[in-house]
Amino acid sequence: MQHTQATPALPARQIRAAHTPTTLTVYQAYAPHLGDPAARDGRFPSAWKRERMTWIKPSFLWMMYRCGWATKSDQETVLAIEITRAGFDQALREACLSHYEPGTHPDQAAWKAALREAPARVQWDPERDLDLNPLPHRSLQLGLSGPASRAYADEWTISIRDVTPLARDIHGLVRAGEHAAARALLPVETPYPSGPLPHLGA
């Protein structure tokens, strides 16, 4: 009898991303009036509100879940933003979970105090498959505010690409039932070497 080796389960919380030795790619979706000039110029336009919290997602499929394959209102342009690992790592070091978690925080008061001071916050959301169904392991969402948001837009960003056509191509293959072909087009995301993140429950 031939035995097939089981695929090891992924950690419950793990950052997976397309990354190089110096950069990491995250995804965001915007209305065309913001997304199109950002992709054209390779930087966020002045209309991009740097004082607001912005959420970045290293998972392409989680972004597809969030924007409905670039069909939701004001999320029709999907951007792949290549940022410095130094900036991303700094944000992780200074981040706080967006919700209180026993075992990660001493108590609710300590969590609230940390959240008030943190320029970044983290949510661990269920990763998605090609049909956008939730998977048992979770993916990182990183929210940036204040100085972190400004640094993201004006210092960490290396390049911005419009990947809306890719999203539409993959979605078309999924709808046609051609999952293998769709999977072949997905960006390659591998575990990101962040090291342990005990303050983020990972």
C-alpha atoms as a PDB file:
ATOM      1  CA  MET A   1       0.000   0.000   0.000  1.00  0.00           C
ATOM      2  CA  GLN A   2       1.335   3.415  -0.932  1.00  0.00           C
ATOM      3  CA  HIS A   3       1.347   6.004   1.841  1.00  0.00           C
ATOM      4  CA  THR A   4       0.948   9.666   1.058  1.00  0.00           C
ATOM      5  CA  GLN A   5       2.695  12.101   3.346  1.00  0.00           C
ATOM      6  CA  ALA A   6       0.333  14.505   5.080  1.00  0.00           C
ATOM      7  CA  THR A   7       0.975  18.180   4.488  1.00  0.00           C
ATOM      8  CA  PRO A   8       2.047  19.756   7.771  1.00  0.00           C
ATOM      9  CA  ALA A   9      -0.496  22.143   9.193  1.00  0.00           C
ATOM     10  CA  LEU A  10       0.395  25.808   9.022  1.00  0.00           C
ATOM     11  CA  PRO A  11       0.803  27.697  12.298  1.00  0.00           C
ATOM     12  CA  ALA A  12      -2.451  29.216  13.524  1.00  0.00           C
ATOM     13  CA  ARG A  13      -0.905  32.680  13.143  1.00  0.00           C
ATOM     14  CA  GLN A  14       1.831  33.310  10.636  1.00  0.00           C
ATOM     15  CA  ILE A  15       2.855  36.155   8.330  1.00  0.00           C
ATOM     16  CA  ARG A  16       3.091  34.873   4.769  1.00  0.00           C
ATOM     17  CA  ALA A  17       4.079  37.299   2.046  1.00  0.00           C
ATOM     18  CA  ALA A  18       5.922  37.866  -1.183  1.00  0.00           C
ATOM     19  CA  HIS A  19       9.263  39.215   0.031  1.00  0.00           C
ATOM     20  CA  THR A  20      12.878  39.783  -0.964  1.00  0.00           C
ATOM     21  CA  PRO A  21      15.891  40.285   1.309  1.00  0.00           C
ATOM     22  CA  THR A  22      14.982  43.990   1.644  1.00  0.00           C
ATOM     23  CA  THR A  23      11.304  44.382   0.692  1.00  0.00           C
ATOM     24  CA  LEU A  24       7.855  42.919   1.291  1.00  0.00           C
ATOM     25  CA  THR A  25       4.680  43.240  -0.806  1.00  0.00           C
ATOM     26  CA  VAL A  26       1.353  44.217   0.719  1.00  0.00           C
ATOM     27  CA  TYR A  27      -2.031  44.827  -0.888  1.00  0.00           C
ATOM     28  CA  GLN A  28      -4.650  47.539  -0.685  1.00  0.00           C
ATOM     29  CA  ALA A  29      -7.714  48.378  -2.774  1.00  0.00           C
ATOM     30  CA  TYR A  30      -8.907  51.883  -3.590  1.00  0.00           C
ATOM     31  CA  ALA A  31     -11.312  53.823  -5.731  1.00  0.00           C
ATOM     32  CA  PRO A  32      -9.755  54.550  -9.140  1.00  0.00           C
ATOM     33  CA  HIS A  33      -9.276  58.257  -8.351  1.00  0.00           C
ATOM     34  CA  LEU A  34      -6.730  57.234  -5.692  1.00  0.00           C
ATOM     35  CA  GLY A  35      -5.478  53.902  -6.997  1.00  0.00           C
ATOM     36  CA  ASP A  36      -4.810  54.911 -10.597  1.00  0.00           C
ATOM     37  CA  PRO A  37      -2.474  57.862  -9.869  1.00  0.00           C
ATOM     38  CA  ALA A  38      -0.712  55.850  -7.158  1.00  0.00           C
ATOM     39  CA  ALA A  39       0.100  53.075  -9.644  1.00  0.00           C
ATOM     40  CA  ARG A  40       1.002  55.567 -12.388  1.00  0.00           C
ATOM     41  CA  ASP A  41       3.398  57.601 -10.247  1.00  0.00           C
ATOM     42  CA  GLY A  42       4.655  54.851  -7.938  1.00  0.00           C
ATOM     43  CA  ARG A  43       3.700  56.836  -4.854  1.00  0.00           C
ATOM     44  CA  PHE A  44       0.522  57.798  -3.035  1.00  0.00           C
ATOM     45  CA  PRO A  45      -1.015  61.064  -4.272  1.00  0.00           C
ATOM     46  CA  SER A  46      -1.524  64.102  -2.054  1.00  0.00           C
ATOM     47  CA  ALA A  47      -5.243  63.227  -1.870  1.00  0.00           C
ATOM     48  CA  TRP A  48      -4.291  60.065   0.065  1.00  0.00           C
ATOM     49  CA  LYS A  49      -5.076  61.007   3.675  1.00  0.00           C
ATOM     50  CA  ARG A  50      -1.889  60.402   5.625  1.00  0.00           C
ATOM     51  CA  GLU A  51      -3.491  61.156   8.992  1.00  0.00           C
ATOM     52  CA  ARG A  52      -6.038  58.326   8.680  1.00  0.00           C
ATOM     53  CA  MET A  53      -5.468  54.735   9.707  1.00  0.00           C
ATOM     54  CA  THR A  54      -4.680  52.542   6.723  1.00  0.00           C
ATOM     55  CA  TRP A  55      -4.729  48.723   6.700  1.00  0.00           C
ATOM     56  CA  ILE A  56      -2.182  46.740   4.713  1.00  0.00           C
ATOM     57  CA  LYS A  57      -2.474  43.048   3.913  1.00  0.00           C
ATOM     58  CA  PRO A  58       0.387  40.733   2.870  1.00  0.00           C
ATOM     59  CA  SER A  59      -2.133  38.090   1.719  1.00  0.00           C
ATOM     60  CA  PHE A  60      -3.370  38.483  -1.860  1.00  0.00           C
ATOM     61  CA  LEU A  61      -6.359  36.181  -1.305  1.00  0.00           C
ATOM     62  CA  TRP A  62      -7.385  37.988   1.875  1.00  0.00           C
ATOM     63  CA  MET A  63      -7.353  41.195  -0.168  1.00  0.00           C
ATOM     64  CA  MET A  64      -9.544  39.488  -2.769  1.00  0.00           C
ATOM     65  CA  TYR A  65     -11.963  38.503  -0.019  1.00  0.00           C
ATOM     66  CA  ARG A  66     -12.033  42.065   1.288  1.00  0.00           C
ATOM     67  CA  CYS A  67     -12.557  43.751  -2.092  1.00  0.00           C
ATOM     68  CA  GLY A  68     -14.662  41.035  -3.737  1.00  0.00           C
ATOM     69  CA  TRP A  69     -12.154  40.508  -6.540  1.00  0.00           C
ATOM     70  CA  ALA A  70     -12.060  44.286  -7.177  1.00  0.00           C
ATOM     71  CA  THR A  71     -15.845  44.579  -7.546  1.00  0.00           C
ATOM     72  CA  LYS A  72     -16.785  46.408  -4.329  1.00  0.00           C
ATOM     73  CA  SER A  73     -17.443  50.126  -4.415  1.00  0.00           C
ATOM     74  CA  ASP A  74     -14.326  52.254  -3.830  1.00  0.00           C
ATOM     75  CA  GLN A  75     -12.171  49.103  -4.020  1.00  0.00           C
ATOM     76  CA  GLU A  76     -12.063  48.662  -7.790  1.00  0.00           C
ATOM     77  CA  THR A  77      -8.299  49.232  -8.108  1.00  0.00           C
ATOM     78  CA  VAL A  78      -6.093  46.686  -6.363  1.00  0.00           C
ATOM     79  CA  LEU A  79      -2.544  47.787  -5.641  1.00  0.00           C
ATOM     80  CA  ALA A  80       0.540  45.720  -4.830  1.00  0.00           C
ATOM     81  CA  ILE A  81       2.744  47.980  -2.730  1.00  0.00           C
ATOM     82  CA  GLU A  82       6.367  46.984  -2.239  1.00  0.00           C
ATOM     83  CA  ILE A  83       7.658  48.396   1.028  1.00  0.00           C
ATOM     84  CA  THR A  84      10.895  48.167   2.975  1.00  0.00           C
ATOM     85  CA  ARG A  85      11.240  45.291   5.383  1.00  0.00           C
ATOM     86  CA  ALA A  86      12.832  47.740   7.820  1.00  0.00           C
ATOM     87  CA  GLY A  87       9.628  49.790   7.914  1.00  0.00           C
ATOM     88  CA  PHE A  88       7.401  46.725   8.169  1.00  0.00           C
ATOM     89  CA  ASP A  89       9.538  45.244  10.949  1.00  0.00           C
ATOM     90  CA  GLN A  90       9.431  48.528  12.854  1.00  0.00           C
ATOM     91  CA  ALA A  91       5.632  48.604  12.586  1.00  0.00           C
ATOM     92  CA  LEU A  92       5.432  45.024  13.897  1.00  0.00           C
ATOM     93  CA  ARG A  93       7.681  45.853  16.855  1.00  0.00           C
ATOM     94  CA  GLU A  94       5.556  48.859  17.793  1.00  0.00           C
ATOM     95  CA  ALA A  95       2.150  47.280  17.074  1.00  0.00           C
ATOM     96  CA  CYS A  96      -0.546  46.201  19.495  1.00  0.00           C
ATOM     97  CA  LEU A  97      -3.374  43.731  18.942  1.00  0.00           C
ATOM     98  CA  SER A  98      -6.596  45.513  17.996  1.00  0.00           C
ATOM     99  CA  HIS A  99      -8.507  43.534  20.633  1.00  0.00           C
ATOM    100  CA  TYR A 100      -7.779  42.377  24.167  1.00  0.00           C
ATOM    101  CA  GLU A 101      -6.449  38.840  24.385  1.00  0.00           C
ATOM    102  CA  PRO A 102      -5.934  37.064  27.722  1.00  0.00           C
ATOM    103  CA  GLY A 103      -2.487  35.509  27.833  1.00  0.00           C
ATOM    104  CA  THR A 104      -1.032  38.095  25.476  1.00  0.00           C
ATOM    105  CA  HIS A 105      -1.825  41.110  27.664  1.00  0.00           C
ATOM    106  CA  PRO A 106      -1.580  41.194  31.489  1.00  0.00           C
ATOM    107  CA  ASP A 107      -5.085  42.708  31.701  1.00  0.00           C
ATOM    108  CA  GLN A 108      -7.514  44.927  29.815  1.00  0.00           C
ATOM    109  CA  ALA A 109      -6.062  48.117  31.281  1.00  0.00           C
ATOM    110  CA  ALA A 110      -2.568  47.202  30.058  1.00  0.00           C
ATOM    111  CA  TRP A 111      -3.938  46.421  26.587  1.00  0.00           C
ATOM    112  CA  LYS A 112      -5.830  49.733  26.402  1.00  0.00           C
ATOM    113  CA  ALA A 113      -2.724  51.651  27.458  1.00  0.00           C
ATOM    114  CA  ALA A 114      -0.601  49.867  24.844  1.00  0.00           C
ATOM    115  CA  LEU A 115      -3.213  50.443  22.145  1.00  0.00           C
ATOM    116  CA  ARG A 116      -3.341  54.177  22.879  1.00  0.00           C
ATOM    117  CA  GLU A 117       0.417  54.489  22.424  1.00  0.00           C
ATOM    118  CA  ALA A 118       0.866  52.138  19.458  1.00  0.00           C
ATOM    119  CA  PRO A 119       1.200  53.645  15.965  1.00  0.00           C
ATOM    120  CA  ALA A 120       0.211  50.261  14.507  1.00  0.00           C
ATOM    121  CA  ARG A 121      -2.314  47.567  15.329  1.00  0.00           C
ATOM    122  CA  VAL A 122      -2.705  43.975  14.240  1.00  0.00           C
ATOM    123  CA  GLN A 123      -5.639  41.711  13.467  1.00  0.00           C
ATOM    124  CA  TRP A 124      -5.272  38.021  12.699  1.00  0.00           C
ATOM    125  CA  ASP A 125      -8.034  37.081  10.266  1.00  0.00           C
ATOM    126  CA  PRO A 126      -8.831  33.692   8.738  1.00  0.00           C
ATOM    127  CA  GLU A 127      -6.829  33.140   5.563  1.00  0.00           C
ATOM    128  CA  ARG A 128      -8.939  32.443   2.467  1.00  0.00           C
ATOM    129  CA  ASP A 129      -8.872  29.840  -0.280  1.00  0.00           C
ATOM    130  CA  LEU A 130      -9.521  30.511  -3.973  1.00  0.00           C
ATOM    131  CA  ASP A 131     -13.272  30.409  -3.365  1.00  0.00           C
ATOM    132  CA  LEU A 132     -12.720  32.920  -0.527  1.00  0.00           C
ATOM    133  CA  ASN A 133     -13.813  30.412   2.105  1.00  0.00           C
ATOM    134  CA  PRO A 134     -12.089  30.761   5.510  1.00  0.00           C
ATOM    135  CA  LEU A 135      -9.161  28.468   6.274  1.00  0.00           C
ATOM    136  CA  PRO A 136      -8.168  27.250   9.763  1.00  0.00           C
ATOM    137  CA  HIS A 137      -4.980  29.346   9.873  1.00  0.00           C
ATOM    138  CA  ARG A 138      -4.859  33.113  10.094  1.00  0.00           C
ATOM    139  CA  SER A 139      -3.278  35.923   8.148  1.00  0.00           C
ATOM    140  CA  LEU A 140      -1.996  39.300   9.281  1.00  0.00           C
ATOM    141  CA  GLN A 141      -3.677  42.642   8.769  1.00  0.00           C
ATOM    142  CA  LEU A 142      -1.567  45.596   9.868  1.00  0.00           C
ATOM    143  CA  GLY A 143      -3.211  48.944  10.616  1.00  0.00           C
ATOM    144  CA  LEU A 144      -0.981  52.025  10.464  1.00  0.00           C
ATOM    145  CA  SER A 145      -1.866  55.389  11.949  1.00  0.00           C
ATOM    146  CA  GLY A 146      -0.182  58.724  12.633  1.00  0.00           C
ATOM    147  CA  PRO A 147       3.571  58.604  12.086  1.00  0.00           C
ATOM    148  CA  ALA A 148       3.455  55.000  10.828  1.00  0.00           C
ATOM    149  CA  SER A 149       0.859  55.872   8.169  1.00  0.00           C
ATOM    150  CA  ARG A 150       2.905  58.850   6.982  1.00  0.00           C
ATOM    151  CA  ALA A 151       6.126  56.815   6.944  1.00  0.00           C
ATOM    152  CA  TYR A 152       4.382  54.050   4.966  1.00  0.00           C
ATOM    153  CA  ALA A 153       3.221  56.472   2.294  1.00  0.00           C
ATOM    154  CA  ASP A 154       6.317  58.637   2.001  1.00  0.00           C
ATOM    155  CA  GLU A 155       9.302  56.612   3.242  1.00  0.00           C
ATOM    156  CA  TRP A 156       8.717  52.850   3.178  1.00  0.00           C
ATOM    157  CA  THR A 157       7.013  52.552  -0.215  1.00  0.00           C
ATOM    158  CA  ILE A 158       9.405  51.436  -2.956  1.00  0.00           C
ATOM    159  CA  SER A 159       6.951  50.751  -5.784  1.00  0.00           C
ATOM    160  CA  ILE A 160       3.218  50.526  -6.467  1.00  0.00           C
ATOM    161  CA  ARG A 161       1.703  48.282  -9.141  1.00  0.00           C
ATOM    162  CA  ASP A 162      -1.886  47.955 -10.329  1.00  0.00           C
ATOM    163  CA  VAL A 163      -2.713  44.247 -10.050  1.00  0.00           C
ATOM    164  CA  THR A 164      -6.417  44.627 -10.850  1.00  0.00           C
ATOM    165  CA  PRO A 165      -6.002  42.776 -14.193  1.00  0.00           C
ATOM    166  CA  LEU A 166      -4.367  39.880 -12.345  1.00  0.00           C
ATOM    167  CA  ALA A 167      -7.241  39.787  -9.850  1.00  0.00           C
ATOM    168  CA  ARG A 168      -9.750  39.665 -12.703  1.00  0.00           C
ATOM    169  CA  ASP A 169      -7.843  36.933 -14.536  1.00  0.00           C
ATOM    170  CA  ILE A 170      -7.662  34.729 -11.430  1.00  0.00           C
ATOM    171  CA  HIS A 171     -11.319  35.376 -10.610  1.00  0.00           C
ATOM    172  CA  GLY A 172     -12.334  34.420 -14.149  1.00  0.00           C
ATOM    173  CA  LEU A 173     -10.492  31.114 -13.868  1.00  0.00           C
ATOM    174  CA  VAL A 174     -12.050  30.401 -10.467  1.00  0.00           C
ATOM    175  CA  ARG A 175     -15.523  31.080 -11.850  1.00  0.00           C
ATOM    176  CA  ALA A 176     -14.777  28.723 -14.742  1.00  0.00           C
ATOM    177  CA  GLY A 177     -13.793  26.004 -12.276  1.00  0.00           C
ATOM    178  CA  GLU A 178     -10.161  26.075 -13.390  1.00  0.00           C
ATOM    179  CA  HIS A 179      -8.661  26.193  -9.921  1.00  0.00           C
ATOM    180  CA  ALA A 180      -5.258  24.763 -10.872  1.00  0.00           C
ATOM    181  CA  ALA A 181      -4.776  27.442 -13.519  1.00  0.00           C
ATOM    182  CA  ALA A 182      -5.976  30.112 -11.089  1.00  0.00           C
ATOM    183  CA  ARG A 183      -3.595  28.883  -8.387  1.00  0.00           C
ATOM    184  CA  ALA A 184      -0.678  29.053 -10.818  1.00  0.00           C
ATOM    185  CA  LEU A 185      -1.245  32.807 -11.223  1.00  0.00           C
ATOM    186  CA  LEU A 186      -1.284  33.593  -7.507  1.00  0.00           C
ATOM    187  CA  PRO A 187       1.628  35.597  -6.096  1.00  0.00           C
ATOM    188  CA  VAL A 188       4.053  33.300  -4.281  1.00  0.00           C
ATOM    189  CA  GLU A 189       3.744  33.963  -0.542  1.00  0.00           C
ATOM    190  CA  THR A 190       6.151  32.261   1.842  1.00  0.00           C
ATOM    191  CA  PRO A 191       6.593  32.513   5.633  1.00  0.00           C
ATOM    192  CA  TYR A 192       8.047  35.887   6.549  1.00  0.00           C
ATOM    193  CA  PRO A 193      11.017  35.690   8.947  1.00  0.00           C
ATOM    194  CA  SER A 194       9.641  38.023  11.584  1.00  0.00           C
ATOM    195  CA  GLY A 195      10.685  35.816  14.476  1.00  0.00           C
ATOM    196  CA  PRO A 196       8.374  35.297  17.467  1.00  0.00           C
ATOM    197  CA  LEU A 197       5.859  38.071  18.098  1.00  0.00           C
ATOM    198  CA  PRO A 198       4.662  37.400  21.649  1.00  0.00           C
ATOM    199  CA  HIS A 199       3.175  40.905  22.033  1.00  0.00           C
ATOM    200  CA  LEU A 200       0.958  40.042  19.031  1.00  0.00           C
ATOM    201  CA  GLY A 201       0.032  36.562  20.198  1.00  0.00           C
ATOM    202  CA  ALA A 202       2.274  34.811  17.655  1.00  0.00           C
END
